Amino acid sequence: MLKVTVDLLPAGISSLRRTLAVMTVGNVSDLADFSDYDVSAMEGPNPLAGTNARSTSVQVIHHDRRQSVWKLIGAAITALEDAEFDDL
């Protein structure tokens, strides 16, 4: 499983770090060359966008595992772009 955490570090100051979002990506097809993945994502509240804390789950289907991990993360983000989020 991959876990991607998006942290904000205002002015690069670690002590002010706060997590904006977390995404997990898990293979559900026994590590086949072309695999399917469950993706879960959670975002904290965003006053600039006017959104509450929210979460969703989507799938990435038939992804070629022989690519860079960034391709999988990109595919997960693409799947999230049109997802319906539920307020937390």
PDB file of N, CA and C in Angstrom:
ATOM      1  N   MET A   1       0.848  -1.180   0.000  1.00  0.00           N
ATOM      2  CA  MET A   1       0.000   0.000   0.000  1.00  0.00           C
ATOM      3  C   MET A   1       0.892   1.241   0.000  1.00  0.00           C
ATOM      4  N   LEU A   2       0.462   2.209  -0.748  1.00  0.00           N
ATOM      5  CA  LEU A   2       1.115   3.516  -0.744  1.00  0.00           C
ATOM      6  C   LEU A   2       0.298   4.464   0.123  1.00  0.00           C
ATOM      7  N   LYS A   3       0.988   5.348   0.810  1.00  0.00           N
ATOM      8  CA  LYS A   3       0.319   6.424   1.548  1.00  0.00           C
ATOM      9  C   LYS A   3       0.977   7.724   1.132  1.00  0.00           C
ATOM     10  N   VAL A   4       0.167   8.635   0.621  1.00  0.00           N
ATOM     11  CA  VAL A   4       0.650   9.943   0.182  1.00  0.00           C
ATOM     12  C   VAL A   4       0.045  10.982   1.118  1.00  0.00           C
ATOM     13  N   THR A   5       0.914  11.761   1.752  1.00  0.00           N
ATOM     14  CA  THR A   5       0.471  12.794   2.677  1.00  0.00           C
ATOM     15  C   THR A   5       0.882  14.151   2.123  1.00  0.00           C
ATOM     16  N   VAL A   6      -0.072  15.080   2.090  1.00  0.00           N
ATOM     17  CA  VAL A   6       0.202  16.438   1.624  1.00  0.00           C
ATOM     18  C   VAL A   6       0.250  17.344   2.846  1.00  0.00           C
ATOM     19  N   ASP A   7       1.448  17.846   3.139  1.00  0.00           N
ATOM     20  CA  ASP A   7       1.644  18.740   4.275  1.00  0.00           C
ATOM     21  C   ASP A   7       1.964  20.146   3.786  1.00  0.00           C
ATOM     22  N   LEU A   8       1.466  21.120   4.509  1.00  0.00           N
ATOM     23  CA  LEU A   8       1.792  22.519   4.262  1.00  0.00           C
ATOM     24  C   LEU A   8       2.797  22.942   5.315  1.00  0.00           C
ATOM     25  N   LEU A   9       3.912  23.523   4.871  1.00  0.00           N
ATOM     26  CA  LEU A   9       4.930  24.057   5.778  1.00  0.00           C
ATOM     27  C   LEU A   9       5.050  25.550   5.505  1.00  0.00           C
ATOM     28  N   PRO A  10       4.270  26.378   6.191  1.00  0.00           N
ATOM     29  CA  PRO A  10       4.325  27.819   5.937  1.00  0.00           C
ATOM     30  C   PRO A  10       5.751  28.356   6.059  1.00  0.00           C
ATOM     31  N   ALA A  11       6.203  29.020   5.021  1.00  0.00           N
ATOM     32  CA  ALA A  11       7.556  29.595   4.964  1.00  0.00           C
ATOM     33  C   ALA A  11       8.634  28.540   5.200  1.00  0.00           C
ATOM     34  N   GLY A  12       8.296  27.253   4.994  1.00  0.00           N
ATOM     35  CA  GLY A  12       9.268  26.186   5.175  1.00  0.00           C
ATOM     36  C   GLY A  12       9.556  25.839   6.625  1.00  0.00           C
ATOM     37  N   ILE A  13       8.726  26.305   7.536  1.00  0.00           N
ATOM     38  CA  ILE A  13       8.962  26.103   8.967  1.00  0.00           C
ATOM     39  C   ILE A  13       8.265  24.808   9.416  1.00  0.00           C
ATOM     40  N   SER A  14       9.067  23.797   9.730  1.00  0.00           N
ATOM     41  CA  SER A  14       8.538  22.479  10.082  1.00  0.00           C
ATOM     42  C   SER A  14       7.596  22.510  11.280  1.00  0.00           C
ATOM     43  N   SER A  15       7.880  23.346  12.241  1.00  0.00           N
ATOM     44  CA  SER A  15       7.041  23.380  13.448  1.00  0.00           C
ATOM     45  C   SER A  15       5.627  23.898  13.156  1.00  0.00           C
ATOM     46  N   LEU A  16       5.440  24.543  12.006  1.00  0.00           N
ATOM     47  CA  LEU A  16       4.109  25.040  11.628  1.00  0.00           C
ATOM     48  C   LEU A  16       3.387  24.093  10.673  1.00  0.00           C
ATOM     49  N   ARG A  17       3.987  22.914  10.433  1.00  0.00           N
ATOM     50  CA  ARG A  17       3.418  21.952   9.477  1.00  0.00           C
ATOM     51  C   ARG A  17       1.997  21.562   9.856  1.00  0.00           C
ATOM     52  N   ARG A  18       1.163  21.448   8.811  1.00  0.00           N
ATOM     53  CA  ARG A  18      -0.160  20.880   9.025  1.00  0.00           C
ATOM     54  C   ARG A  18      -0.526  20.055   7.810  1.00  0.00           C
ATOM     55  N   THR A  19      -1.177  18.939   8.067  1.00  0.00           N
ATOM     56  CA  THR A  19      -1.561  18.017   7.005  1.00  0.00           C
ATOM     57  C   THR A  19      -2.834  18.514   6.341  1.00  0.00           C
ATOM     58  N   LEU A  20      -2.790  18.633   5.018  1.00  0.00           N
ATOM     59  CA  LEU A  20      -3.952  19.071   4.247  1.00  0.00           C
ATOM     60  C   LEU A  20      -4.768  17.899   3.729  1.00  0.00           C
ATOM     61  N   ALA A  21      -4.079  16.800   3.342  1.00  0.00           N
ATOM     62  CA  ALA A  21      -4.774  15.672   2.736  1.00  0.00           C
ATOM     63  C   ALA A  21      -3.936  14.403   2.855  1.00  0.00           C
ATOM     64  N   VAL A  22      -4.622  13.265   2.817  1.00  0.00           N
ATOM     65  CA  VAL A  22      -3.970  11.960   2.847  1.00  0.00           C
ATOM     66  C   VAL A  22      -4.664  11.058   1.829  1.00  0.00           C
ATOM     67  N   MET A  23      -3.860  10.292   1.072  1.00  0.00           N
ATOM     68  CA  MET A  23      -4.397   9.344   0.109  1.00  0.00           C
ATOM     69  C   MET A  23      -3.697   8.002   0.313  1.00  0.00           C
ATOM     70  N   THR A  24      -4.458   6.907   0.297  1.00  0.00           N
ATOM     71  CA  THR A  24      -3.870   5.577   0.298  1.00  0.00           C
ATOM     72  C   THR A  24      -4.248   4.878  -1.003  1.00  0.00           C
ATOM     73  N   VAL A  25      -3.307   4.086  -1.511  1.00  0.00           N
ATOM     74  CA  VAL A  25      -3.504   3.351  -2.764  1.00  0.00           C
ATOM     75  C   VAL A  25      -3.091   1.911  -2.493  1.00  0.00           C
ATOM     76  N   GLY A  26      -4.037   0.981  -2.596  1.00  0.00           N
ATOM     77  CA  GLY A  26      -3.758  -0.416  -2.302  1.00  0.00           C
ATOM     78  C   GLY A  26      -4.078  -1.323  -3.473  1.00  0.00           C
ATOM     79  N   ASN A  27      -3.146  -2.218  -3.801  1.00  0.00           N
ATOM     80  CA  ASN A  27      -3.334  -3.178  -4.883  1.00  0.00           C
ATOM     81  C   ASN A  27      -4.336  -4.238  -4.437  1.00  0.00           C
ATOM     82  N   VAL A  28      -5.343  -4.498  -5.267  1.00  0.00           N
ATOM     83  CA  VAL A  28      -6.378  -5.487  -4.945  1.00  0.00           C
ATOM     84  C   VAL A  28      -6.398  -6.641  -5.950  1.00  0.00           C
ATOM     85  N   SER A  29      -5.310  -6.804  -6.713  1.00  0.00           N
ATOM     86  CA  SER A  29      -5.296  -7.850  -7.748  1.00  0.00           C
ATOM     87  C   SER A  29      -4.027  -8.697  -7.714  1.00  0.00           C
ATOM     88  N   ASP A  30      -3.563  -9.024  -6.520  1.00  0.00           N
ATOM     89  CA  ASP A  30      -2.449  -9.966  -6.342  1.00  0.00           C
ATOM     90  C   ASP A  30      -1.201  -9.597  -7.135  1.00  0.00           C
ATOM     91  N   LEU A  31      -0.913  -8.309  -7.243  1.00  0.00           N
ATOM     92  CA  LEU A  31       0.317  -7.814  -7.876  1.00  0.00           C
ATOM     93  C   LEU A  31       0.475  -8.270  -9.330  1.00  0.00           C
ATOM     94  N   ALA A  32      -0.637  -8.384 -10.035  1.00  0.00           N
ATOM     95  CA  ALA A  32      -0.591  -8.728 -11.462  1.00  0.00           C
ATOM     96  C   ALA A  32       0.124  -7.624 -12.240  1.00  0.00           C
ATOM     97  N   ASP A  33       0.674  -7.960 -13.420  1.00  0.00           N
ATOM     98  CA  ASP A  33       1.353  -6.941 -14.231  1.00  0.00           C
ATOM     99  C   ASP A  33       0.442  -5.745 -14.510  1.00  0.00           C
ATOM    100  N   PHE A  34      -0.832  -6.017 -14.772  1.00  0.00           N
ATOM    101  CA  PHE A  34      -1.834  -4.960 -14.915  1.00  0.00           C
ATOM    102  C   PHE A  34      -2.776  -5.117 -13.730  1.00  0.00           C
ATOM    103  N   SER A  35      -2.675  -4.205 -12.771  1.00  0.00           N
ATOM    104  CA  SER A  35      -3.355  -4.351 -11.489  1.00  0.00           C
ATOM    105  C   SER A  35      -4.464  -3.332 -11.296  1.00  0.00           C
ATOM    106  N   ASP A  36      -5.369  -3.669 -10.393  1.00  0.00           N
ATOM    107  CA  ASP A  36      -6.435  -2.778  -9.965  1.00  0.00           C
ATOM    108  C   ASP A  36      -6.101  -2.300  -8.550  1.00  0.00           C
ATOM    109  N   TYR A  37      -6.509  -1.074  -8.246  1.00  0.00           N
ATOM    110  CA  TYR A  37      -6.161  -0.448  -6.972  1.00  0.00           C
ATOM    111  C   TYR A  37      -7.381   0.226  -6.361  1.00  0.00           C
ATOM    112  N   ASP A  38      -7.519   0.092  -5.046  1.00  0.00           N
ATOM    113  CA  ASP A  38      -8.485   0.887  -4.286  1.00  0.00           C
ATOM    114  C   ASP A  38      -7.766   2.135  -3.796  1.00  0.00           C
ATOM    115  N   VAL A  39      -8.418   3.282  -3.976  1.00  0.00           N
ATOM    116  CA  VAL A  39      -7.847   4.570  -3.586  1.00  0.00           C
ATOM    117  C   VAL A  39      -8.804   5.220  -2.586  1.00  0.00           C
ATOM    118  N   SER A  40      -8.281   5.623  -1.443  1.00  0.00           N
ATOM    119  CA  SER A  40      -9.059   6.374  -0.456  1.00  0.00           C
ATOM    120  C   SER A  40      -8.375   7.713  -0.239  1.00  0.00           C
ATOM    121  N   ALA A  41      -9.177   8.757  -0.138  1.00  0.00           N
ATOM    122  CA  ALA A  41      -8.614  10.092   0.044  1.00  0.00           C
ATOM    123  C   ALA A  41      -9.418  10.860   1.082  1.00  0.00           C
ATOM    124  N   MET A  42      -8.701  11.656   1.863  1.00  0.00           N
ATOM    125  CA  MET A  42      -9.306  12.516   2.873  1.00  0.00           C
ATOM    126  C   MET A  42      -8.647  13.884   2.772  1.00  0.00           C
ATOM    127  N   GLU A  43      -9.466  14.924   2.815  1.00  0.00           N
ATOM    128  CA  GLU A  43      -8.975  16.300   2.844  1.00  0.00           C
ATOM    129  C   GLU A  43      -9.487  16.962   4.114  1.00  0.00           C
ATOM    130  N   GLY A  44      -8.666  17.791   4.699  1.00  0.00           N
ATOM    131  CA  GLY A  44      -9.118  18.599   5.821  1.00  0.00           C
ATOM    132  C   GLY A  44      -9.983  19.750   5.318  1.00  0.00           C
ATOM    133  N   PRO A  45     -10.583  20.504   6.217  1.00  0.00           N
ATOM    134  CA  PRO A  45     -11.392  21.655   5.789  1.00  0.00           C
ATOM    135  C   PRO A  45     -10.522  22.680   5.068  1.00  0.00           C
ATOM    136  N   ASN A  46     -11.103  23.319   4.064  1.00  0.00           N
ATOM    137  CA  ASN A  46     -10.362  24.309   3.279  1.00  0.00           C
ATOM    138  C   ASN A  46     -11.179  25.596   3.219  1.00  0.00           C
ATOM    139  N   PRO A  47     -10.883  26.553   4.096  1.00  0.00           N
ATOM    140  CA  PRO A  47     -11.660  27.790   4.113  1.00  0.00           C
ATOM    141  C   PRO A  47     -11.535  28.586   2.806  1.00  0.00           C
ATOM    142  N   LEU A  48     -10.407  28.481   2.128  1.00  0.00           N
ATOM    143  CA  LEU A  48     -10.249  29.206   0.861  1.00  0.00           C
ATOM    144  C   LEU A  48     -11.183  28.671  -0.221  1.00  0.00           C
ATOM    145  N   ALA A  49     -11.371  27.345  -0.241  1.00  0.00           N
ATOM    146  CA  ALA A  49     -12.258  26.732  -1.233  1.00  0.00           C
ATOM    147  C   ALA A  49     -13.684  26.620  -0.719  1.00  0.00           C
ATOM    148  N   GLY A  50     -13.877  26.891   0.572  1.00  0.00           N
ATOM    149  CA  GLY A  50     -15.217  26.806   1.152  1.00  0.00           C
ATOM    150  C   GLY A  50     -15.694  25.377   1.322  1.00  0.00           C
ATOM    151  N   THR A  51     -14.767  24.423   1.546  1.00  0.00           N
ATOM    152  CA  THR A  51     -15.158  23.027   1.714  1.00  0.00           C
ATOM    153  C   THR A  51     -14.897  22.557   3.136  1.00  0.00           C
ATOM    154  N   ASN A  52     -15.742  21.634   3.590  1.00  0.00           N
ATOM    155  CA  ASN A  52     -15.553  20.988   4.881  1.00  0.00           C
ATOM    156  C   ASN A  52     -14.538  19.863   4.725  1.00  0.00           C
ATOM    157  N   ALA A  53     -14.110  19.280   5.844  1.00  0.00           N
ATOM    158  CA  ALA A  53     -13.323  18.051   5.782  1.00  0.00           C
ATOM    159  C   ALA A  53     -14.170  17.020   5.046  1.00  0.00           C
ATOM    160  N   ARG A  54     -13.518  16.233   4.177  1.00  0.00           N
ATOM    161  CA  ARG A  54     -14.283  15.309   3.345  1.00  0.00           C
ATOM    162  C   ARG A  54     -13.428  14.116   2.935  1.00  0.00           C
ATOM    163  N   SER A  55     -14.108  13.064   2.468  1.00  0.00           N
ATOM    164  CA  SER A  55     -13.393  11.868   2.046  1.00  0.00           C
ATOM    165  C   SER A  55     -14.129  11.198   0.889  1.00  0.00           C
ATOM    166  N   THR A  56     -13.400  10.294   0.215  1.00  0.00           N
ATOM    167  CA  THR A  56     -13.990   9.537  -0.881  1.00  0.00           C
ATOM    168  C   THR A  56     -13.152   8.296  -1.139  1.00  0.00           C
ATOM    169  N   SER A  57     -13.687   7.386  -1.922  1.00  0.00           N
ATOM    170  CA  SER A  57     -12.976   6.195  -2.381  1.00  0.00           C
ATOM    171  C   SER A  57     -13.263   5.999  -3.862  1.00  0.00           C
ATOM    172  N   VAL A  58     -12.234   5.634  -4.610  1.00  0.00           N
ATOM    173  CA  VAL A  58     -12.352   5.368  -6.048  1.00  0.00           C
ATOM    174  C   VAL A  58     -11.472   4.166  -6.375  1.00  0.00           C
ATOM    175  N   GLN A  59     -11.466   3.774  -7.650  1.00  0.00           N
ATOM    176  CA  GLN A  59     -10.595   2.690  -8.101  1.00  0.00           C
ATOM    177  C   GLN A  59      -9.793   3.119  -9.316  1.00  0.00           C
ATOM    178  N   VAL A  60      -8.604   2.570  -9.424  1.00  0.00           N
ATOM    179  CA  VAL A  60      -7.787   2.651 -10.635  1.00  0.00           C
ATOM    180  C   VAL A  60      -7.771   1.231 -11.193  1.00  0.00           C
ATOM    181  N   ILE A  61      -8.222   1.071 -12.415  1.00  0.00           N
ATOM    182  CA  ILE A  61      -8.384  -0.253 -13.021  1.00  0.00           C
ATOM    183  C   ILE A  61      -7.333  -0.484 -14.100  1.00  0.00           C
ATOM    184  N   HIS A  62      -6.752  -1.675 -14.088  1.00  0.00           N
ATOM    185  CA  HIS A  62      -5.858  -2.157 -15.155  1.00  0.00           C
ATOM    186  C   HIS A  62      -4.652  -1.241 -15.355  1.00  0.00           C
ATOM    187  N   HIS A  63      -3.978  -0.933 -14.263  1.00  0.00           N
ATOM    188  CA  HIS A  63      -2.791  -0.072 -14.302  1.00  0.00           C
ATOM    189  C   HIS A  63      -1.541  -0.921 -14.510  1.00  0.00           C
ATOM    190  N   ASP A  64      -0.700  -0.528 -15.432  1.00  0.00           N
ATOM    191  CA  ASP A  64       0.552  -1.228 -15.714  1.00  0.00           C
ATOM    192  C   ASP A  64       1.541  -0.982 -14.575  1.00  0.00           C
ATOM    193  N   ARG A  65       1.810  -2.002 -13.767  1.00  0.00           N
ATOM    194  CA  ARG A  65       2.693  -1.867 -12.605  1.00  0.00           C
ATOM    195  C   ARG A  65       4.153  -1.640 -12.975  1.00  0.00           C
ATOM    196  N   ARG A  66       4.526  -1.843 -14.232  1.00  0.00           N
ATOM    197  CA  ARG A  66       5.930  -1.708 -14.632  1.00  0.00           C
ATOM    198  C   ARG A  66       6.302  -0.256 -14.930  1.00  0.00           C
ATOM    199  N   GLN A  67       5.507   0.676 -14.464  1.00  0.00           N
ATOM    200  CA  GLN A  67       5.769   2.101 -14.656  1.00  0.00           C
ATOM    201  C   GLN A  67       6.243   2.721 -13.342  1.00  0.00           C
ATOM    202  N   SER A  68       6.660   3.948 -13.419  1.00  0.00           N
ATOM    203  CA  SER A  68       7.064   4.712 -12.238  1.00  0.00           C
ATOM    204  C   SER A  68       5.904   4.819 -11.249  1.00  0.00           C
ATOM    205  N   VAL A  69       6.240   4.871  -9.968  1.00  0.00           N
ATOM    206  CA  VAL A  69       5.225   5.061  -8.936  1.00  0.00           C
ATOM    207  C   VAL A  69       4.441   6.355  -9.178  1.00  0.00           C
ATOM    208  N   TRP A  70       5.087   7.341  -9.801  1.00  0.00           N
ATOM    209  CA  TRP A  70       4.411   8.613 -10.077  1.00  0.00           C
ATOM    210  C   TRP A  70       3.263   8.430 -11.063  1.00  0.00           C
ATOM    211  N   LYS A  71       3.375   7.464 -11.973  1.00  0.00           N
ATOM    212  CA  LYS A  71       2.268   7.175 -12.893  1.00  0.00           C
ATOM    213  C   LYS A  71       1.053   6.675 -12.128  1.00  0.00           C
ATOM    214  N   LEU A  72       1.284   5.817 -11.131  1.00  0.00           N
ATOM    215  CA  LEU A  72       0.173   5.306 -10.326  1.00  0.00           C
ATOM    216  C   LEU A  72      -0.449   6.426  -9.497  1.00  0.00           C
ATOM    217  N   ILE A  73       0.375   7.248  -8.886  1.00  0.00           N
ATOM    218  CA  ILE A  73      -0.153   8.374  -8.111  1.00  0.00           C
ATOM    219  C   ILE A  73      -0.933   9.315  -9.021  1.00  0.00           C
ATOM    220  N   GLY A  74      -0.414   9.568 -10.228  1.00  0.00           N
ATOM    221  CA  GLY A  74      -1.126  10.410 -11.190  1.00  0.00           C
ATOM    222  C   GLY A  74      -2.468   9.811 -11.584  1.00  0.00           C
ATOM    223  N   ALA A  75      -2.502   8.493 -11.801  1.00  0.00           N
ATOM    224  CA  ALA A  75      -3.759   7.826 -12.152  1.00  0.00           C
ATOM    225  C   ALA A  75      -4.750   7.919 -10.993  1.00  0.00           C
ATOM    226  N   ALA A  76      -4.258   7.794  -9.765  1.00  0.00           N
ATOM    227  CA  ALA A  76      -5.131   7.921  -8.596  1.00  0.00           C
ATOM    228  C   ALA A  76      -5.699   9.337  -8.491  1.00  0.00           C
ATOM    229  N   ILE A  77      -4.860  10.323  -8.713  1.00  0.00           N
ATOM    230  CA  ILE A  77      -5.321  11.716  -8.664  1.00  0.00           C
ATOM    231  C   ILE A  77      -6.346  11.973  -9.769  1.00  0.00           C
ATOM    232  N   THR A  78      -6.103  11.462 -10.958  1.00  0.00           N
ATOM    233  CA  THR A  78      -7.061  11.611 -12.058  1.00  0.00           C
ATOM    234  C   THR A  78      -8.408  10.997 -11.682  1.00  0.00           C
ATOM    235  N   ALA A  79      -8.387   9.819 -11.063  1.00  0.00           N
ATOM    236  CA  ALA A  79      -9.634   9.178 -10.642  1.00  0.00           C
ATOM    237  C   ALA A  79     -10.355  10.009  -9.583  1.00  0.00           C
ATOM    238  N   LEU A  80      -9.602  10.706  -8.749  1.00  0.00           N
ATOM    239  CA  LEU A  80     -10.212  11.527  -7.695  1.00  0.00           C
ATOM    240  C   LEU A  80     -10.818  12.823  -8.217  1.00  0.00           C
ATOM    241  N   GLU A  81     -10.368  13.288  -9.366  1.00  0.00           N
ATOM    242  CA  GLU A  81     -10.816  14.598  -9.856  1.00  0.00           C
ATOM    243  C   GLU A  81     -12.320  14.684 -10.038  1.00  0.00           C
ATOM    244  N   ASP A  82     -12.975  13.601 -10.458  1.00  0.00           N
ATOM    245  CA  ASP A  82     -14.416  13.625 -10.691  1.00  0.00           C
ATOM    246  C   ASP A  82     -15.196  12.879  -9.612  1.00  0.00           C
ATOM    247  N   ALA A  83     -14.516  12.513  -8.529  1.00  0.00           N
ATOM    248  CA  ALA A  83     -15.166  11.718  -7.482  1.00  0.00           C
ATOM    249  C   ALA A  83     -16.124  12.564  -6.657  1.00  0.00           C
ATOM    250  N   GLU A  84     -17.147  11.899  -6.145  1.00  0.00           N
ATOM    251  CA  GLU A  84     -18.079  12.513  -5.194  1.00  0.00           C
ATOM    252  C   GLU A  84     -17.475  12.368  -3.801  1.00  0.00           C
ATOM    253  N   PHE A  85     -17.315  13.471  -3.096  1.00  0.00           N
ATOM    254  CA  PHE A  85     -16.767  13.449  -1.738  1.00  0.00           C
ATOM    255  C   PHE A  85     -17.916  13.536  -0.729  1.00  0.00           C
ATOM    256  N   ASP A  86     -17.717  12.872   0.398  1.00  0.00           N
ATOM    257  CA  ASP A  86     -18.669  12.950   1.513  1.00  0.00           C
ATOM    258  C   ASP A  86     -18.073  13.808   2.616  1.00  0.00           C
ATOM    259  N   ASP A  87     -18.866  14.750   3.144  1.00  0.00           N
ATOM    260  CA  ASP A  87     -18.393  15.557   4.263  1.00  0.00           C
ATOM    261  C   ASP A  87     -18.172  14.682   5.483  1.00  0.00           C
ATOM    262  N   LEU A  88     -17.159  15.017   6.232  1.00  0.00           N
ATOM    263  CA  LEU A  88     -16.875  14.279   7.479  1.00  0.00           C
ATOM    264  C   LEU A  88     -17.494  14.984   8.661  1.00  0.00           C
TER     265      LEU A  88
END
